[in-house]
């Protein structure tokens, strides 16, 4: 039976393993790819000290999936009176565990917890594979946002 729960700092090794595996799969990297110290150290620091909720899906003692909700605080507005926004990211389930509803359960738990924490908006960057899940949960495309990335300036 797959257990889905909010991760704690005690889960850091499972979180790091799942994150690095997800980055390899999503980016088409070889199994033996070596990540930079910066990616490893910043990821570890974020799991330990960042403003987020992360859920783990486990099969016994083995992590088979994870998903994170990162929180940012902006100046309160009429549309976002708490100023708290959330961004869903790193939703990942190992290939042999896919098509069992694990990602849906992880995302639903994060959505519920985000609303309880006062978030007034949840955004995400979807892959084509993930898009049907997010649409079924009510996410829609937005025309409100423009983005400037450092490497495009």
N, C-alpha and C. Protein backbone atom coordinates (compact mmCIF):
# COMPACT_ATOMS: atom_id res chain seq x y z
N UNK A 1 0.84 -1.19 0.00
CA UNK A 1 0.00 0.00 0.00
C UNK A 1 0.88 1.25 0.00
N UNK A 2 0.53 2.20 -0.81
CA UNK A 2 1.29 3.44 -0.93
C UNK A 2 0.82 4.42 0.13
N UNK A 3 1.76 4.93 0.90
CA UNK A 3 1.48 5.92 1.94
C UNK A 3 1.89 7.28 1.42
N UNK A 4 1.01 8.26 1.58
CA UNK A 4 1.33 9.63 1.16
C UNK A 4 1.19 10.52 2.39
N UNK A 5 2.28 11.24 2.69
CA UNK A 5 2.28 12.06 3.90
C UNK A 5 3.17 13.28 3.70
N UNK A 6 2.94 14.27 4.56
CA UNK A 6 3.79 15.46 4.54
C UNK A 6 5.16 15.07 5.10
N UNK A 7 6.19 15.41 4.37
CA UNK A 7 7.56 15.08 4.76
C UNK A 7 8.02 15.99 5.89
N UNK A 8 8.97 15.49 6.65
CA UNK A 8 9.61 16.26 7.71
C UNK A 8 11.11 16.33 7.42
N UNK A 9 11.83 17.07 8.22
CA UNK A 9 13.27 17.18 8.06
C UNK A 9 13.96 15.82 8.21
N UNK A 10 13.32 14.91 8.93
CA UNK A 10 13.88 13.57 9.08
C UNK A 10 13.88 12.79 7.77
N UNK A 11 13.12 13.26 6.79
CA UNK A 11 13.02 12.60 5.48
C UNK A 11 14.02 13.15 4.47
N UNK A 12 15.00 13.92 4.91
CA UNK A 12 15.87 14.64 3.99
C UNK A 12 16.55 13.73 2.97
N UNK A 13 17.01 12.56 3.36
CA UNK A 13 17.70 11.70 2.39
C UNK A 13 16.74 11.19 1.33
N UNK A 14 15.52 10.82 1.71
CA UNK A 14 14.51 10.38 0.74
C UNK A 14 14.12 11.53 -0.18
N UNK A 15 14.00 12.74 0.38
CA UNK A 15 13.66 13.91 -0.43
C UNK A 15 14.75 14.20 -1.45
N UNK A 16 15.99 14.17 -1.01
CA UNK A 16 17.10 14.45 -1.92
C UNK A 16 17.19 13.39 -3.01
N UNK A 17 17.05 12.15 -2.64
CA UNK A 17 17.11 11.06 -3.62
C UNK A 17 16.01 11.20 -4.66
N UNK A 18 14.81 11.47 -4.21
CA UNK A 18 13.68 11.62 -5.12
C UNK A 18 13.86 12.83 -6.03
N UNK A 19 14.32 13.94 -5.47
CA UNK A 19 14.52 15.17 -6.26
C UNK A 19 15.56 14.96 -7.35
N UNK A 20 16.70 14.36 -7.00
CA UNK A 20 17.75 14.17 -7.98
C UNK A 20 17.33 13.16 -9.06
N UNK A 21 16.60 12.13 -8.66
CA UNK A 21 16.07 11.18 -9.64
C UNK A 21 15.11 11.89 -10.59
N UNK A 22 14.22 12.72 -10.04
CA UNK A 22 13.26 13.45 -10.86
C UNK A 22 13.98 14.37 -11.85
N UNK A 23 15.01 15.07 -11.40
CA UNK A 23 15.74 15.97 -12.28
C UNK A 23 16.40 15.21 -13.44
N UNK A 24 16.91 14.03 -13.17
CA UNK A 24 17.51 13.21 -14.23
C UNK A 24 16.45 12.79 -15.24
N UNK A 25 15.32 12.30 -14.75
CA UNK A 25 14.27 11.80 -15.65
C UNK A 25 13.69 12.94 -16.48
N UNK A 26 13.29 14.02 -15.83
CA UNK A 26 12.64 15.13 -16.53
C UNK A 26 13.56 15.79 -17.55
N UNK A 27 14.85 15.83 -17.25
CA UNK A 27 15.81 16.49 -18.14
C UNK A 27 16.54 15.52 -19.07
N UNK A 28 16.14 14.24 -19.06
CA UNK A 28 16.76 13.26 -19.94
C UNK A 28 18.24 13.06 -19.68
N UNK A 29 18.64 13.13 -18.42
CA UNK A 29 20.05 12.97 -18.08
C UNK A 29 20.39 11.50 -17.88
N UNK A 30 21.63 11.11 -18.14
CA UNK A 30 22.01 9.71 -17.93
C UNK A 30 21.98 9.33 -16.45
N UNK A 31 21.80 8.06 -16.20
CA UNK A 31 21.72 7.52 -14.84
C UNK A 31 22.94 7.92 -14.00
N UNK A 32 24.12 7.99 -14.63
CA UNK A 32 25.36 8.29 -13.90
C UNK A 32 25.70 9.79 -13.88
N UNK A 33 24.74 10.63 -14.25
CA UNK A 33 24.98 12.08 -14.24
C UNK A 33 25.38 12.53 -12.84
N UNK A 34 26.36 13.43 -12.76
CA UNK A 34 26.82 13.96 -11.48
C UNK A 34 26.37 15.41 -11.36
N UNK A 35 25.55 15.69 -10.35
CA UNK A 35 25.05 17.05 -10.12
C UNK A 35 26.12 17.92 -9.49
N UNK A 36 26.03 19.22 -9.75
CA UNK A 36 26.97 20.16 -9.13
C UNK A 36 26.70 20.24 -7.64
N UNK A 37 27.72 20.62 -6.92
CA UNK A 37 27.56 20.83 -5.48
C UNK A 37 26.50 21.89 -5.21
N UNK A 38 26.42 22.91 -6.08
CA UNK A 38 25.45 23.98 -5.87
C UNK A 38 24.02 23.43 -5.92
N UNK A 39 23.69 22.62 -6.91
CA UNK A 39 22.34 22.05 -7.00
C UNK A 39 22.05 21.19 -5.77
N UNK A 40 23.00 20.37 -5.40
CA UNK A 40 22.80 19.48 -4.24
C UNK A 40 22.64 20.29 -2.96
N UNK A 41 23.56 21.22 -2.72
CA UNK A 41 23.53 22.00 -1.48
C UNK A 41 22.31 22.90 -1.39
N UNK A 42 21.94 23.56 -2.49
CA UNK A 42 20.78 24.45 -2.47
C UNK A 42 19.48 23.66 -2.32
N UNK A 43 19.40 22.50 -2.95
CA UNK A 43 18.21 21.66 -2.80
C UNK A 43 18.07 21.20 -1.35
N UNK A 44 19.15 20.73 -0.78
CA UNK A 44 19.14 20.28 0.63
C UNK A 44 18.73 21.43 1.55
N UNK A 45 19.32 22.60 1.32
CA UNK A 45 18.98 23.76 2.15
C UNK A 45 17.51 24.13 2.01
N UNK A 46 17.00 24.07 0.79
CA UNK A 46 15.59 24.41 0.59
C UNK A 46 14.68 23.44 1.34
N UNK A 47 14.95 22.13 1.24
CA UNK A 47 14.14 21.16 1.96
C UNK A 47 14.21 21.39 3.48
N UNK A 48 15.35 21.78 3.97
CA UNK A 48 15.52 21.97 5.41
C UNK A 48 15.04 23.33 5.91
N UNK A 49 15.15 24.38 5.06
CA UNK A 49 14.89 25.73 5.55
C UNK A 49 13.93 26.56 4.71
N UNK A 50 13.49 26.07 3.57
CA UNK A 50 12.64 26.84 2.68
C UNK A 50 11.20 26.91 3.17
N UNK A 51 10.46 27.88 2.64
CA UNK A 51 9.04 28.03 2.98
C UNK A 51 8.24 27.16 2.00
N UNK A 52 8.00 25.93 2.40
CA UNK A 52 7.37 24.95 1.51
C UNK A 52 6.69 23.85 2.31
N UNK A 53 5.89 23.09 1.60
CA UNK A 53 5.39 21.80 2.08
C UNK A 53 5.79 20.80 1.02
N UNK A 54 6.30 19.66 1.45
CA UNK A 54 6.63 18.60 0.51
C UNK A 54 5.97 17.33 1.00
N UNK A 55 5.41 16.58 0.06
CA UNK A 55 4.82 15.30 0.41
C UNK A 55 5.66 14.19 -0.20
N UNK A 56 5.68 13.07 0.49
CA UNK A 56 6.38 11.88 0.04
C UNK A 56 5.37 10.76 -0.16
N UNK A 57 5.55 10.01 -1.23
CA UNK A 57 4.80 8.78 -1.44
C UNK A 57 5.79 7.65 -1.20
N UNK A 58 5.43 6.73 -0.32
CA UNK A 58 6.33 5.63 -0.01
C UNK A 58 5.63 4.30 -0.17
N UNK A 59 6.42 3.31 -0.54
CA UNK A 59 5.98 1.92 -0.61
C UNK A 59 6.88 1.19 0.37
N UNK A 60 6.38 0.98 1.57
CA UNK A 60 7.24 0.47 2.63
C UNK A 60 8.22 1.55 3.01
N UNK A 61 9.51 1.23 2.97
CA UNK A 61 10.56 2.21 3.31
C UNK A 61 11.08 2.94 2.09
N UNK A 62 10.57 2.62 0.91
CA UNK A 62 11.09 3.19 -0.33
C UNK A 62 10.27 4.38 -0.81
N UNK A 63 10.95 5.51 -1.07
CA UNK A 63 10.28 6.68 -1.64
C UNK A 63 10.01 6.41 -3.11
N UNK A 64 8.73 6.56 -3.53
CA UNK A 64 8.36 6.31 -4.92
C UNK A 64 7.81 7.56 -5.60
N UNK A 65 7.70 8.65 -4.85
CA UNK A 65 7.23 9.90 -5.42
C UNK A 65 7.32 11.02 -4.42
N UNK A 66 7.29 12.24 -4.95
CA UNK A 66 7.25 13.41 -4.09
C UNK A 66 6.68 14.59 -4.88
N UNK A 67 6.27 15.59 -4.16
CA UNK A 67 5.75 16.82 -4.76
C UNK A 67 5.92 17.93 -3.73
N UNK A 68 6.16 19.15 -4.21
CA UNK A 68 6.38 20.28 -3.30
C UNK A 68 5.49 21.46 -3.65
N UNK A 69 5.13 22.19 -2.62
CA UNK A 69 4.41 23.45 -2.77
C UNK A 69 5.29 24.51 -2.11
N UNK A 70 5.77 25.45 -2.91
CA UNK A 70 6.59 26.55 -2.40
C UNK A 70 5.70 27.76 -2.17
N UNK A 71 5.97 28.48 -1.10
CA UNK A 71 5.16 29.64 -0.76
C UNK A 71 5.97 30.92 -0.93
N UNK A 72 5.32 31.94 -1.46
CA UNK A 72 5.91 33.26 -1.51
C UNK A 72 4.90 34.24 -0.93
N UNK A 73 5.39 35.32 -0.40
CA UNK A 73 4.52 36.34 0.16
C UNK A 73 4.71 37.63 -0.61
N UNK A 74 3.62 38.16 -1.09
CA UNK A 74 3.63 39.43 -1.80
C UNK A 74 2.84 40.45 -0.99
N UNK A 75 2.88 41.69 -1.41
CA UNK A 75 2.06 42.71 -0.78
C UNK A 75 0.59 42.29 -0.95
N UNK A 76 -0.21 42.31 0.10
CA UNK A 76 -1.62 41.95 -0.04
C UNK A 76 -2.34 42.84 -1.04
N UNK A 77 -3.25 42.23 -1.78
CA UNK A 77 -4.08 42.96 -2.73
C UNK A 77 -5.52 42.54 -2.49
N UNK A 78 -6.46 43.18 -3.19
CA UNK A 78 -7.86 42.78 -3.03
C UNK A 78 -8.06 41.34 -3.47
N UNK A 79 -7.39 40.92 -4.53
CA UNK A 79 -7.52 39.55 -5.01
C UNK A 79 -6.77 38.53 -4.17
N UNK A 80 -5.76 38.98 -3.45
CA UNK A 80 -4.92 38.11 -2.63
C UNK A 80 -4.72 38.77 -1.26
N UNK A 81 -5.76 38.80 -0.44
CA UNK A 81 -5.71 39.56 0.81
C UNK A 81 -4.67 39.08 1.82
N UNK A 82 -4.26 37.81 1.73
CA UNK A 82 -3.21 37.35 2.65
C UNK A 82 -1.82 37.63 2.10
N UNK A 83 -1.75 37.87 0.79
CA UNK A 83 -0.46 38.05 0.16
C UNK A 83 0.30 36.75 -0.02
N UNK A 84 -0.30 35.63 0.37
CA UNK A 84 0.39 34.34 0.30
C UNK A 84 0.00 33.60 -0.97
N UNK A 85 0.99 33.33 -1.79
CA UNK A 85 0.78 32.56 -3.02
C UNK A 85 1.59 31.28 -2.93
N UNK A 86 1.19 30.31 -3.69
CA UNK A 86 1.87 29.02 -3.68
C UNK A 86 2.22 28.61 -5.11
N UNK A 87 3.29 27.86 -5.23
CA UNK A 87 3.72 27.36 -6.54
C UNK A 87 4.01 25.86 -6.40
N UNK A 88 3.24 25.07 -7.15
CA UNK A 88 3.39 23.61 -7.14
C UNK A 88 4.55 23.23 -8.04
N UNK A 89 5.42 22.36 -7.53
CA UNK A 89 6.56 21.97 -8.35
C UNK A 89 7.08 20.59 -7.97
N UNK A 90 7.88 20.06 -8.87
CA UNK A 90 8.57 18.79 -8.64
C UNK A 90 7.62 17.64 -8.33
N UNK A 91 6.50 17.59 -9.02
CA UNK A 91 5.59 16.46 -8.86
C UNK A 91 6.19 15.30 -9.65
N UNK A 92 6.52 14.23 -8.95
CA UNK A 92 7.22 13.12 -9.58
C UNK A 92 6.79 11.80 -8.96
N UNK A 93 6.53 10.84 -9.83
CA UNK A 93 6.27 9.46 -9.41
C UNK A 93 7.14 8.55 -10.27
N UNK A 94 7.81 7.61 -9.64
CA UNK A 94 8.62 6.66 -10.41
C UNK A 94 7.77 5.97 -11.46
N UNK A 95 8.39 5.68 -12.60
CA UNK A 95 7.64 5.15 -13.75
C UNK A 95 6.85 3.89 -13.42
N UNK A 96 7.40 2.99 -12.64
CA UNK A 96 6.70 1.74 -12.33
C UNK A 96 5.51 1.94 -11.38
N UNK A 97 5.36 3.14 -10.84
CA UNK A 97 4.24 3.43 -9.93
C UNK A 97 3.22 4.38 -10.56
N UNK A 98 3.44 4.76 -11.79
CA UNK A 98 2.52 5.70 -12.44
C UNK A 98 1.20 5.04 -12.80
N UNK A 99 0.20 5.88 -13.05
CA UNK A 99 -1.15 5.48 -13.45
C UNK A 99 -1.90 4.78 -12.31
N UNK A 100 -1.53 5.12 -11.06
CA UNK A 100 -2.20 4.57 -9.88
C UNK A 100 -2.84 5.66 -9.03
N UNK A 101 -2.81 6.91 -9.49
CA UNK A 101 -3.40 8.00 -8.74
C UNK A 101 -2.50 8.60 -7.67
N UNK A 102 -1.24 8.21 -7.65
CA UNK A 102 -0.32 8.69 -6.61
C UNK A 102 -0.07 10.19 -6.76
N UNK A 103 0.22 10.64 -7.97
CA UNK A 103 0.47 12.07 -8.19
C UNK A 103 -0.77 12.88 -7.83
N UNK A 104 -1.93 12.41 -8.21
CA UNK A 104 -3.18 13.10 -7.87
C UNK A 104 -3.33 13.23 -6.36
N UNK A 105 -3.11 12.17 -5.64
CA UNK A 105 -3.25 12.21 -4.17
C UNK A 105 -2.23 13.16 -3.55
N UNK A 106 -1.01 13.16 -4.07
CA UNK A 106 0.01 14.08 -3.53
C UNK A 106 -0.40 15.53 -3.79
N UNK A 107 -0.83 15.82 -5.00
CA UNK A 107 -1.21 17.19 -5.36
C UNK A 107 -2.45 17.62 -4.58
N UNK A 108 -3.43 16.76 -4.45
CA UNK A 108 -4.64 17.11 -3.68
C UNK A 108 -4.30 17.44 -2.23
N UNK A 109 -3.41 16.67 -1.62
CA UNK A 109 -2.98 16.96 -0.24
C UNK A 109 -2.30 18.32 -0.17
N UNK A 110 -1.43 18.62 -1.12
CA UNK A 110 -0.75 19.92 -1.11
C UNK A 110 -1.72 21.07 -1.35
N UNK A 111 -2.68 20.88 -2.23
CA UNK A 111 -3.68 21.94 -2.47
C UNK A 111 -4.47 22.21 -1.19
N UNK A 112 -4.97 21.15 -0.56
CA UNK A 112 -5.74 21.32 0.68
C UNK A 112 -4.93 22.03 1.76
N UNK A 113 -3.69 21.62 1.93
CA UNK A 113 -2.84 22.23 2.96
C UNK A 113 -2.50 23.68 2.61
N UNK A 114 -2.38 23.98 1.33
CA UNK A 114 -2.08 25.36 0.90
C UNK A 114 -3.25 26.29 1.19
N UNK A 115 -4.47 25.83 0.92
CA UNK A 115 -5.64 26.65 1.24
C UNK A 115 -5.72 26.87 2.75
N UNK A 116 -5.47 25.81 3.53
CA UNK A 116 -5.49 25.95 5.00
C UNK A 116 -4.44 26.94 5.49
N UNK A 117 -3.30 27.02 4.79
CA UNK A 117 -2.21 27.92 5.18
C UNK A 117 -2.47 29.36 4.73
N UNK A 118 -3.59 29.61 4.04
CA UNK A 118 -3.95 30.97 3.66
C UNK A 118 -3.57 31.37 2.26
N UNK A 119 -3.07 30.44 1.44
CA UNK A 119 -2.74 30.79 0.06
C UNK A 119 -4.02 31.17 -0.68
N UNK A 120 -3.90 32.14 -1.55
CA UNK A 120 -5.05 32.58 -2.34
C UNK A 120 -4.89 32.25 -3.82
N UNK A 121 -3.74 31.71 -4.19
CA UNK A 121 -3.49 31.33 -5.57
C UNK A 121 -2.41 30.26 -5.60
N UNK A 122 -2.58 29.30 -6.50
CA UNK A 122 -1.56 28.27 -6.71
C UNK A 122 -1.21 28.27 -8.18
N UNK A 123 0.07 28.39 -8.47
CA UNK A 123 0.54 28.35 -9.85
C UNK A 123 1.40 27.10 -10.04
N UNK A 124 1.72 26.80 -11.28
CA UNK A 124 2.62 25.70 -11.58
C UNK A 124 3.13 25.83 -12.99
N UNK A 125 4.22 25.13 -13.28
CA UNK A 125 4.75 25.00 -14.62
C UNK A 125 4.55 23.54 -14.99
N UNK A 126 3.71 23.27 -15.99
CA UNK A 126 3.34 21.89 -16.31
C UNK A 126 4.11 21.34 -17.49
N UNK A 127 4.50 20.08 -17.38
CA UNK A 127 4.99 19.35 -18.53
C UNK A 127 3.77 18.86 -19.30
N UNK A 128 3.97 18.45 -20.53
CA UNK A 128 2.84 17.92 -21.31
C UNK A 128 2.27 16.68 -20.64
N UNK A 129 3.13 15.87 -20.04
CA UNK A 129 2.67 14.66 -19.36
C UNK A 129 1.78 14.99 -18.16
N UNK A 130 2.11 16.06 -17.45
CA UNK A 130 1.36 16.42 -16.25
C UNK A 130 0.11 17.25 -16.50
N UNK A 131 0.02 17.87 -17.65
CA UNK A 131 -1.08 18.80 -17.96
C UNK A 131 -2.47 18.20 -17.74
N UNK A 132 -2.77 16.99 -18.21
CA UNK A 132 -4.13 16.45 -17.99
C UNK A 132 -4.50 16.33 -16.50
N UNK A 133 -3.55 15.94 -15.68
CA UNK A 133 -3.82 15.85 -14.24
C UNK A 133 -4.18 17.22 -13.68
N UNK A 134 -3.38 18.22 -13.98
CA UNK A 134 -3.62 19.55 -13.43
C UNK A 134 -4.93 20.14 -13.93
N UNK A 135 -5.23 19.93 -15.19
CA UNK A 135 -6.50 20.42 -15.73
C UNK A 135 -7.68 19.73 -15.04
N UNK A 136 -7.55 18.43 -14.75
CA UNK A 136 -8.63 17.72 -14.07
C UNK A 136 -8.83 18.20 -12.64
N UNK A 137 -7.82 18.82 -12.08
CA UNK A 137 -7.91 19.37 -10.72
C UNK A 137 -8.36 20.83 -10.72
N UNK A 138 -8.60 21.38 -11.91
CA UNK A 138 -9.12 22.74 -11.99
C UNK A 138 -8.12 23.81 -12.39
N UNK A 139 -6.87 23.46 -12.62
CA UNK A 139 -5.89 24.46 -13.06
C UNK A 139 -6.22 24.89 -14.48
N UNK A 140 -6.02 26.16 -14.76
CA UNK A 140 -6.26 26.70 -16.09
C UNK A 140 -5.04 27.50 -16.52
N UNK A 141 -4.90 27.71 -17.82
CA UNK A 141 -3.83 28.55 -18.32
C UNK A 141 -4.11 30.00 -17.91
N UNK A 142 -3.04 30.73 -17.66
CA UNK A 142 -3.17 32.12 -17.23
C UNK A 142 -2.58 33.05 -18.28
N UNK A 143 -3.25 34.15 -18.48
CA UNK A 143 -2.71 35.18 -19.38
C UNK A 143 -2.25 36.39 -18.57
N UNK A 144 -2.25 36.27 -17.25
CA UNK A 144 -1.93 37.39 -16.38
C UNK A 144 -0.44 37.60 -16.15
N UNK A 145 0.35 36.61 -16.40
CA UNK A 145 1.74 36.64 -15.94
C UNK A 145 2.73 36.81 -17.08
N UNK A 146 3.71 37.66 -16.88
CA UNK A 146 4.87 37.76 -17.76
C UNK A 146 6.08 37.40 -16.91
N UNK A 147 7.09 36.84 -17.54
CA UNK A 147 8.26 36.37 -16.80
C UNK A 147 9.53 36.86 -17.47
N UNK A 148 10.49 37.28 -16.66
CA UNK A 148 11.81 37.63 -17.13
C UNK A 148 12.79 36.67 -16.46
N UNK A 149 13.53 35.91 -17.24
CA UNK A 149 14.53 35.03 -16.66
C UNK A 149 15.91 35.63 -16.90
N UNK A 150 16.80 35.38 -15.98
CA UNK A 150 18.12 35.99 -16.00
C UNK A 150 18.86 35.74 -17.31
N UNK A 151 18.78 34.54 -17.84
CA UNK A 151 19.55 34.21 -19.04
C UNK A 151 18.95 34.78 -20.32
N UNK A 152 17.77 35.39 -20.25
CA UNK A 152 17.14 35.95 -21.45
C UNK A 152 17.23 37.47 -21.49
N UNK A 153 17.88 38.05 -20.55
CA UNK A 153 17.95 39.50 -20.47
C UNK A 153 19.10 40.04 -21.22
